Amino acid sequence: MTALLEVDGLSATYGQAPVLHGLDFTVGESEIVVLLGANGAGKTTTLRALSQLESVTVGGKIRLRGRSLVGLSPQTVVRRGVSHVPQGRGTFGDLTVEENLLAGAYVRRDRQGVRSDIARWFDTFPRLAERREQRAGTLSGGEQQMLAIARASMSRPALLLLDEPSLGLAPLIIRGLFDLLGGLNRDHGTTMLIVEQNANLALSIANRGYVMEAGTIAVSGDADQLRTDDAVRRAYLGF
């Protein structure tokens, strides 16, 4: 496996409060890796640290294809190839669906390629195509999550970070969403690092997983191994 993302000794604080304590993990090219654990374990902070968001003070090493991301602006991290779908989806509610997709491509200058990608995402999500002139804030929760994923993908990222993509969605929509994420990985080789409370569902599409506890990695392994290890399931995964 060729490592796309390498994280060594990652620490992070909010103000004076330490949240992450020396995390080491990797994400390989074209892998889906999930971060699991209870609320407050540090999963969201890990994604925010990778994106170099301003409210997080980061230590350690973060390398994407061998190039350091530490100390860069969030905009530069996007240009280097990392795109982040935050909790709550983060769509621009006052912009139309199509305007949101254009906003997701702000780091690109290839207008023809941008238009081609918009057409591809409308093919992938026909519901969004039907609503291309509709304001994003008026979409259903499932439609907004589709838009958030498509918008984040418009920068053609090497790595897609997704924070609780199932949050607030109905069970049937969640199943369809994870089928879609698995399909994007299989069909397009999209590399993903996913934070998710629904451990069983997340592991069903993943290659590997890391279980976090109190800002550290407590357990790691292949997805099938984590799903079938009774001790891990009882202690950390809740299913």
C-alpha atoms as a PDB file:
ATOM      1  CA  MET A   1       0.000   0.000   0.000  1.00  0.00           C
ATOM      2  CA  THR A   2       1.332   3.431  -0.966  1.00  0.00           C
ATOM      3  CA  ALA A   3       0.696   5.972   1.795  1.00  0.00           C
ATOM      4  CA  LEU A   4      -1.189   9.069   0.678  1.00  0.00           C
ATOM      5  CA  LEU A   5      -1.470  10.602   4.153  1.00  0.00           C
ATOM      6  CA  GLU A   6       1.090  10.042   6.912  1.00  0.00           C
ATOM      7  CA  VAL A   7       0.456  11.374  10.415  1.00  0.00           C
ATOM      8  CA  ASP A   8       3.165  11.123  13.091  1.00  0.00           C
ATOM      9  CA  GLY A   9       2.912  12.346  16.676  1.00  0.00           C
ATOM     10  CA  LEU A  10      -0.111  14.537  15.963  1.00  0.00           C
ATOM     11  CA  SER A  11      -1.105  16.712  18.905  1.00  0.00           C
ATOM     12  CA  ALA A  12      -3.757  19.412  19.015  1.00  0.00           C
ATOM     13  CA  THR A  13      -5.128  21.907  21.498  1.00  0.00           C
ATOM     14  CA  TYR A  14      -8.096  24.244  21.684  1.00  0.00           C
ATOM     15  CA  GLY A  15      -6.741  27.248  23.560  1.00  0.00           C
ATOM     16  CA  GLN A  16      -4.844  25.713  26.495  1.00  0.00           C
ATOM     17  CA  ALA A  17      -6.813  22.446  26.481  1.00  0.00           C
ATOM     18  CA  PRO A  18      -4.991  19.463  24.925  1.00  0.00           C
ATOM     19  CA  VAL A  19      -7.272  17.247  22.849  1.00  0.00           C
ATOM     20  CA  LEU A  20      -4.997  14.977  20.786  1.00  0.00           C
ATOM     21  CA  HIS A  21      -1.973  13.195  22.228  1.00  0.00           C
ATOM     22  CA  GLY A  22       0.555  11.934  19.707  1.00  0.00           C
ATOM     23  CA  LEU A  23      -1.545  10.200  17.063  1.00  0.00           C
ATOM     24  CA  ASP A  24       0.180   8.011  14.466  1.00  0.00           C
ATOM     25  CA  PHE A  25      -1.791   6.745  11.470  1.00  0.00           C
ATOM     26  CA  THR A  26      -1.777   6.463   7.700  1.00  0.00           C
ATOM     27  CA  VAL A  27      -4.273   6.496   4.848  1.00  0.00           C
ATOM     28  CA  GLY A  28      -3.266   4.674   1.693  1.00  0.00           C
ATOM     29  CA  GLU A  29      -3.969   5.677  -1.891  1.00  0.00           C
ATOM     30  CA  SER A  30      -7.568   4.784  -2.826  1.00  0.00           C
ATOM     31  CA  GLU A  31      -8.403   3.524   0.677  1.00  0.00           C
ATOM     32  CA  ILE A  32     -11.402   4.229   2.852  1.00  0.00           C
ATOM     33  CA  VAL A  33     -10.284   4.580   6.475  1.00  0.00           C
ATOM     34  CA  VAL A  34     -12.681   5.293   9.343  1.00  0.00           C
ATOM     35  CA  LEU A  35     -12.082   6.991  12.686  1.00  0.00           C
ATOM     36  CA  LEU A  36     -14.381   5.598  15.361  1.00  0.00           C
ATOM     37  CA  GLY A  37     -14.964   6.224  19.046  1.00  0.00           C
ATOM     38  CA  ALA A  38     -17.266   7.848  21.565  1.00  0.00           C
ATOM     39  CA  ASN A  39     -18.221  11.523  21.550  1.00  0.00           C
ATOM     40  CA  GLY A  40     -15.319  13.581  22.864  1.00  0.00           C
ATOM     41  CA  ALA A  41     -12.658  11.085  21.752  1.00  0.00           C
ATOM     42  CA  GLY A  42     -11.042  13.655  19.433  1.00  0.00           C
ATOM     43  CA  LYS A  43     -12.267  12.471  16.036  1.00  0.00           C
ATOM     44  CA  THR A  44     -13.578  15.816  14.769  1.00  0.00           C
ATOM     45  CA  THR A  45     -10.501  17.592  16.123  1.00  0.00           C
ATOM     46  CA  THR A  46      -8.342  15.174  14.131  1.00  0.00           C
ATOM     47  CA  LEU A  47     -10.039  16.178  10.881  1.00  0.00           C
ATOM     48  CA  ARG A  48      -9.823  19.858  11.783  1.00  0.00           C
ATOM     49  CA  ALA A  49      -6.124  19.443  12.512  1.00  0.00           C
ATOM     50  CA  LEU A  50      -5.547  17.789   9.136  1.00  0.00           C
ATOM     51  CA  SER A  51      -7.321  20.713   7.456  1.00  0.00           C
ATOM     52  CA  GLN A  52      -5.269  23.219   9.513  1.00  0.00           C
ATOM     53  CA  LEU A  53      -8.360  25.104  10.643  1.00  0.00           C
ATOM     54  CA  GLU A  54      -7.515  28.218  12.617  1.00  0.00           C
ATOM     55  CA  SER A  55      -9.069  27.303  15.969  1.00  0.00           C
ATOM     56  CA  VAL A  56      -6.787  24.276  16.409  1.00  0.00           C
ATOM     57  CA  THR A  57      -3.103  24.493  17.419  1.00  0.00           C
ATOM     58  CA  VAL A  58      -1.311  21.529  15.873  1.00  0.00           C
ATOM     59  CA  GLY A  59       1.960  19.744  16.618  1.00  0.00           C
ATOM     60  CA  GLY A  60       3.585  16.706  15.020  1.00  0.00           C
ATOM     61  CA  LYS A  61       3.872  15.810  11.353  1.00  0.00           C
ATOM     62  CA  ILE A  62       1.165  15.668   8.670  1.00  0.00           C
ATOM     63  CA  ARG A  63       2.362  14.747   5.185  1.00  0.00           C
ATOM     64  CA  LEU A  64       0.304  14.378   2.034  1.00  0.00           C
ATOM     65  CA  ARG A  65       2.260  12.552  -0.651  1.00  0.00           C
ATOM     66  CA  GLY A  66       5.391  13.414   1.279  1.00  0.00           C
ATOM     67  CA  ARG A  67       4.709  17.161   1.556  1.00  0.00           C
ATOM     68  CA  SER A  68       4.051  18.739   4.941  1.00  0.00           C
ATOM     69  CA  LEU A  69       0.693  20.363   5.646  1.00  0.00           C
ATOM     70  CA  VAL A  70       1.594  21.737   9.085  1.00  0.00           C
ATOM     71  CA  GLY A  71       1.505  25.524   9.288  1.00  0.00           C
ATOM     72  CA  LEU A  72      -0.271  26.036   5.977  1.00  0.00           C
ATOM     73  CA  SER A  73      -3.461  28.047   5.618  1.00  0.00           C
ATOM     74  CA  PRO A  74      -6.685  26.040   5.165  1.00  0.00           C
ATOM     75  CA  GLN A  75      -6.911  27.408   1.623  1.00  0.00           C
ATOM     76  CA  THR A  76      -3.440  26.101   0.816  1.00  0.00           C
ATOM     77  CA  VAL A  77      -4.335  22.710   2.295  1.00  0.00           C
ATOM     78  CA  VAL A  78      -7.250  22.568  -0.167  1.00  0.00           C
ATOM     79  CA  ARG A  79      -4.906  23.466  -2.999  1.00  0.00           C
ATOM     80  CA  ARG A  80      -2.560  20.664  -1.877  1.00  0.00           C
ATOM     81  CA  GLY A  81      -5.427  18.184  -2.268  1.00  0.00           C
ATOM     82  CA  VAL A  82      -7.443  17.874   0.965  1.00  0.00           C
ATOM     83  CA  SER A  83     -11.178  18.596   0.961  1.00  0.00           C
ATOM     84  CA  HIS A  84     -13.293  18.570   4.141  1.00  0.00           C
ATOM     85  CA  VAL A  85     -17.040  17.916   4.539  1.00  0.00           C
ATOM     86  CA  PRO A  86     -17.696  19.167   8.097  1.00  0.00           C
ATOM     87  CA  GLN A  87     -20.378  18.169  10.556  1.00  0.00           C
ATOM     88  CA  GLY A  88     -23.620  19.862   9.578  1.00  0.00           C
ATOM     89  CA  ARG A  89     -22.620  19.642   5.903  1.00  0.00           C
ATOM     90  CA  GLY A  90     -21.512  23.265   5.485  1.00  0.00           C
ATOM     91  CA  THR A  91     -23.355  24.098   2.282  1.00  0.00           C
ATOM     92  CA  PHE A  92     -23.949  27.757   1.420  1.00  0.00           C
ATOM     93  CA  GLY A  93     -27.667  28.010   2.094  1.00  0.00           C
ATOM     94  CA  ASP A  94     -28.267  31.243   0.189  1.00  0.00           C
ATOM     95  CA  LEU A  95     -26.538  29.990  -2.961  1.00  0.00           C
ATOM     96  CA  THR A  96     -28.145  27.703  -5.502  1.00  0.00           C
ATOM     97  CA  VAL A  97     -27.061  24.093  -5.932  1.00  0.00           C
ATOM     98  CA  GLU A  98     -25.031  24.978  -9.021  1.00  0.00           C
ATOM     99  CA  GLU A  99     -23.450  28.004  -7.322  1.00  0.00           C
ATOM    100  CA  ASN A 100     -22.369  25.756  -4.442  1.00  0.00           C
ATOM    101  CA  LEU A 101     -20.629  23.439  -6.888  1.00  0.00           C
ATOM    102  CA  LEU A 102     -18.882  26.375  -8.547  1.00  0.00           C
ATOM    103  CA  ALA A 103     -17.771  27.588  -5.108  1.00  0.00           C
ATOM    104  CA  GLY A 104     -16.252  24.176  -4.450  1.00  0.00           C
ATOM    105  CA  ALA A 105     -14.014  24.629  -7.493  1.00  0.00           C
ATOM    106  CA  TYR A 106     -12.625  28.005  -6.429  1.00  0.00           C
ATOM    107  CA  VAL A 107      -9.014  26.744  -6.474  1.00  0.00           C
ATOM    108  CA  ARG A 108      -9.286  25.673 -10.119  1.00  0.00           C
ATOM    109  CA  ARG A 109      -8.787  27.694 -13.309  1.00  0.00           C
ATOM    110  CA  ASP A 110      -9.840  25.079 -15.891  1.00  0.00           C
ATOM    111  CA  ARG A 111     -13.348  26.297 -16.650  1.00  0.00           C
ATOM    112  CA  GLN A 112     -14.123  23.541 -19.114  1.00  0.00           C
ATOM    113  CA  GLY A 113     -13.041  20.904 -16.595  1.00  0.00           C
ATOM    114  CA  VAL A 114     -15.167  22.529 -13.897  1.00  0.00           C
ATOM    115  CA  ARG A 115     -18.242  22.442 -16.129  1.00  0.00           C
ATOM    116  CA  SER A 116     -17.508  18.821 -16.997  1.00  0.00           C
ATOM    117  CA  ASP A 117     -17.297  17.926 -13.312  1.00  0.00           C
ATOM    118  CA  ILE A 118     -20.583  19.709 -12.556  1.00  0.00           C
ATOM    119  CA  ALA A 119     -22.235  17.643 -15.284  1.00  0.00           C
ATOM    120  CA  ARG A 120     -20.708  14.460 -13.826  1.00  0.00           C
ATOM    121  CA  TRP A 121     -22.031  15.226 -10.347  1.00  0.00           C
ATOM    122  CA  PHE A 122     -25.462  15.992 -11.752  1.00  0.00           C
ATOM    123  CA  ASP A 123     -25.317  12.559 -13.420  1.00  0.00           C
ATOM    124  CA  THR A 124     -24.279  11.025 -10.095  1.00  0.00           C
ATOM    125  CA  PHE A 125     -26.992  12.868  -8.144  1.00  0.00           C
ATOM    126  CA  PRO A 126     -30.003  13.375 -10.466  1.00  0.00           C
ATOM    127  CA  ARG A 127     -31.921  14.931  -7.558  1.00  0.00           C
ATOM    128  CA  LEU A 128     -29.379  17.755  -7.494  1.00  0.00           C
ATOM    129  CA  ALA A 129     -29.689  18.230 -11.242  1.00  0.00           C
ATOM    130  CA  GLU A 130     -33.430  18.669 -10.808  1.00  0.00           C
ATOM    131  CA  ARG A 131     -32.747  21.354  -8.180  1.00  0.00           C
ATOM    132  CA  ARG A 132     -29.769  23.091  -9.776  1.00  0.00           C
ATOM    133  CA  GLU A 133     -31.408  26.551  -9.506  1.00  0.00           C
ATOM    134  CA  GLN A 134     -32.829  25.921  -6.016  1.00  0.00           C
ATOM    135  CA  ARG A 135     -31.228  27.469  -2.927  1.00  0.00           C
ATOM    136  CA  ALA A 136     -29.240  24.919  -0.964  1.00  0.00           C
ATOM    137  CA  GLY A 137     -30.876  25.917   2.308  1.00  0.00           C
ATOM    138  CA  THR A 138     -34.242  24.662   1.040  1.00  0.00           C
ATOM    139  CA  LEU A 139     -32.996  21.125   0.251  1.00  0.00           C
ATOM    140  CA  SER A 140     -33.738  18.099   2.407  1.00  0.00           C
ATOM    141  CA  GLY A 141     -31.049  16.791   4.735  1.00  0.00           C
ATOM    142  CA  GLY A 142     -30.132  13.968   2.374  1.00  0.00           C
ATOM    143  CA  GLU A 143     -29.960  16.323  -0.595  1.00  0.00           C
ATOM    144  CA  GLN A 144     -27.748  18.736   1.346  1.00  0.00           C
ATOM    145  CA  GLN A 145     -25.381  15.886   2.194  1.00  0.00           C
ATOM    146  CA  MET A 146     -25.212  14.904  -1.482  1.00  0.00           C
ATOM    147  CA  LEU A 147     -24.429  18.531  -2.327  1.00  0.00           C
ATOM    148  CA  ALA A 148     -21.779  18.783   0.397  1.00  0.00           C
ATOM    149  CA  ILE A 149     -19.965  15.716  -0.951  1.00  0.00           C
ATOM    150  CA  ALA A 150     -20.195  16.914  -4.542  1.00  0.00           C
ATOM    151  CA  ARG A 151     -19.050  20.427  -3.614  1.00  0.00           C
ATOM    152  CA  ALA A 152     -16.057  19.096  -1.668  1.00  0.00           C
ATOM    153  CA  SER A 153     -15.154  16.882  -4.622  1.00  0.00           C
ATOM    154  CA  MET A 154     -15.188  19.790  -7.085  1.00  0.00           C
ATOM    155  CA  SER A 155     -11.623  20.684  -6.130  1.00  0.00           C
ATOM    156  CA  ARG A 156     -10.593  17.181  -7.304  1.00  0.00           C
ATOM    157  CA  PRO A 157      -9.037  16.354  -3.927  1.00  0.00           C
ATOM    158  CA  ALA A 158      -6.522  13.616  -3.334  1.00  0.00           C
ATOM    159  CA  LEU A 159      -8.143  13.055   0.079  1.00  0.00           C
ATOM    160  CA  LEU A 160     -11.766  13.581   1.087  1.00  0.00           C
ATOM    161  CA  LEU A 161     -12.448  14.089   4.810  1.00  0.00           C
ATOM    162  CA  LEU A 162     -16.018  13.434   5.972  1.00  0.00           C
ATOM    163  CA  ASP A 163     -17.194  14.262   9.490  1.00  0.00           C
ATOM    164  CA  GLU A 164     -20.334  12.354  10.576  1.00  0.00           C
ATOM    165  CA  PRO A 165     -21.929  12.132   7.120  1.00  0.00           C
ATOM    166  CA  SER A 166     -24.940  10.252   8.541  1.00  0.00           C
ATOM    167  CA  LEU A 167     -25.765  12.897  11.154  1.00  0.00           C
ATOM    168  CA  GLY A 168     -29.459  13.792  11.174  1.00  0.00           C
ATOM    169  CA  LEU A 169     -30.429  11.553   8.254  1.00  0.00           C
ATOM    170  CA  ALA A 170     -33.101   8.862   8.104  1.00  0.00           C
ATOM    171  CA  PRO A 171     -31.841   5.234   8.179  1.00  0.00           C
ATOM    172  CA  LEU A 172     -32.798   4.499   4.567  1.00  0.00           C
ATOM    173  CA  ILE A 173     -31.003   7.622   3.333  1.00  0.00           C
ATOM    174  CA  ILE A 174     -27.946   6.739   5.433  1.00  0.00           C
ATOM    175  CA  ARG A 175     -27.703   3.287   3.839  1.00  0.00           C
ATOM    176  CA  GLY A 176     -27.943   4.816   0.381  1.00  0.00           C
ATOM    177  CA  LEU A 177     -25.332   7.451   1.252  1.00  0.00           C
ATOM    178  CA  PHE A 178     -22.778   4.862   2.390  1.00  0.00           C
ATOM    179  CA  ASP A 179     -23.467   2.752  -0.691  1.00  0.00           C
ATOM    180  CA  LEU A 180     -22.698   5.883  -2.703  1.00  0.00           C
ATOM    181  CA  LEU A 181     -19.438   6.544  -0.835  1.00  0.00           C
ATOM    182  CA  GLY A 182     -18.360   2.952  -1.385  1.00  0.00           C
ATOM    183  CA  GLY A 183     -19.188   3.306  -5.070  1.00  0.00           C
ATOM    184  CA  LEU A 184     -17.167   6.516  -5.417  1.00  0.00           C
ATOM    185  CA  ASN A 185     -14.201   4.680  -3.951  1.00  0.00           C
ATOM    186  CA  ARG A 186     -14.594   1.619  -6.177  1.00  0.00           C
ATOM    187  CA  ASP A 187     -15.369   3.456  -9.397  1.00  0.00           C
ATOM    188  CA  HIS A 188     -13.138   6.526  -9.076  1.00  0.00           C
ATOM    189  CA  GLY A 189     -10.509   5.507  -6.505  1.00  0.00           C
ATOM    190  CA  THR A 190     -11.543   8.364  -4.196  1.00  0.00           C
ATOM    191  CA  THR A 191      -9.513   8.211  -0.985  1.00  0.00           C
ATOM    192  CA  MET A 192     -11.543   8.950   2.150  1.00  0.00           C
ATOM    193  CA  LEU A 193     -11.027   9.418   5.870  1.00  0.00           C
ATOM    194  CA  ILE A 194     -14.432   9.206   7.548  1.00  0.00           C
ATOM    195  CA  VAL A 195     -15.470  10.045  11.109  1.00  0.00           C
ATOM    196  CA  GLU A 196     -18.698   8.227  11.895  1.00  0.00           C
ATOM    197  CA  GLN A 197     -20.779   7.154  14.907  1.00  0.00           C
ATOM    198  CA  ASN A 198     -22.452   4.340  12.985  1.00  0.00           C
ATOM    199  CA  ALA A 199     -19.462   2.040  13.348  1.00  0.00           C
ATOM    200  CA  ASN A 200     -20.969  -1.062  11.771  1.00  0.00           C
ATOM    201  CA  LEU A 201     -22.075   0.770   8.629  1.00  0.00           C
ATOM    202  CA  ALA A 202     -18.817   2.714   8.289  1.00  0.00           C
ATOM    203  CA  LEU A 203     -16.732  -0.440   8.632  1.00  0.00           C
ATOM    204  CA  SER A 204     -18.872  -2.153   5.989  1.00  0.00           C
ATOM    205  CA  ILE A 205     -17.379   0.096   3.263  1.00  0.00           C
ATOM    206  CA  ALA A 206     -13.933   0.676   4.798  1.00  0.00           C
ATOM    207  CA  ASN A 207     -10.562  -0.984   4.307  1.00  0.00           C
ATOM    208  CA  ARG A 208      -9.232  -0.151   7.752  1.00  0.00           C
ATOM    209  CA  GLY A 209     -10.254   1.580  10.952  1.00  0.00           C
ATOM    210  CA  TYR A 210      -8.804   3.369  13.965  1.00  0.00           C
ATOM    211  CA  VAL A 211     -10.690   3.509  17.264  1.00  0.00           C
ATOM    212  CA  MET A 212      -9.999   6.642  19.322  1.00  0.00           C
ATOM    213  CA  GLU A 213     -10.301   7.084  23.060  1.00  0.00           C
ATOM    214  CA  ALA A 214      -9.494  10.285  24.972  1.00  0.00           C
ATOM    215  CA  GLY A 215      -7.354  11.764  22.204  1.00  0.00           C
ATOM    216  CA  THR A 216      -5.339   8.621  21.511  1.00  0.00           C
ATOM    217  CA  ILE A 217      -5.675   5.632  19.206  1.00  0.00           C
ATOM    218  CA  ALA A 218      -6.763   2.676  21.319  1.00  0.00           C
ATOM    219  CA  VAL A 219      -7.219   0.018  18.630  1.00  0.00           C
ATOM    220  CA  SER A 220      -6.565  -0.266  14.901  1.00  0.00           C
ATOM    221  CA  GLY A 221      -6.966  -2.948  12.295  1.00  0.00           C
ATOM    222  CA  ASP A 222      -8.606  -4.142   9.122  1.00  0.00           C
ATOM    223  CA  ALA A 223     -12.289  -3.244   8.917  1.00  0.00           C
ATOM    224  CA  ASP A 224     -13.451  -6.876   8.928  1.00  0.00           C
ATOM    225  CA  GLN A 225     -11.238  -7.621  11.913  1.00  0.00           C
ATOM    226  CA  LEU A 226     -12.715  -4.744  13.923  1.00  0.00           C
ATOM    227  CA  ARG A 227     -16.289  -5.713  12.991  1.00  0.00           C
ATOM    228  CA  THR A 228     -15.864  -9.294  14.131  1.00  0.00           C
ATOM    229  CA  ASP A 229     -13.744  -8.793  17.271  1.00  0.00           C
ATOM    230  CA  ASP A 230     -16.260  -9.174  20.106  1.00  0.00           C
ATOM    231  CA  ALA A 231     -14.000  -7.524  22.687  1.00  0.00           C
ATOM    232  CA  VAL A 232     -13.435  -4.460  20.490  1.00  0.00           C
ATOM    233  CA  ARG A 233     -17.129  -4.231  19.614  1.00  0.00           C
ATOM    234  CA  ARG A 234     -18.244  -4.372  23.249  1.00  0.00           C
ATOM    235  CA  ALA A 235     -15.579  -2.030  24.577  1.00  0.00           C
ATOM    236  CA  TYR A 236     -15.495   0.623  21.869  1.00  0.00           C
ATOM    237  CA  LEU A 237     -18.033   0.256  19.068  1.00  0.00           C
ATOM    238  CA  GLY A 238     -21.345  -0.335  20.809  1.00  0.00           C
ATOM    239  CA  PHE A 239     -22.802  -3.003  18.512  1.00  0.00           C
END
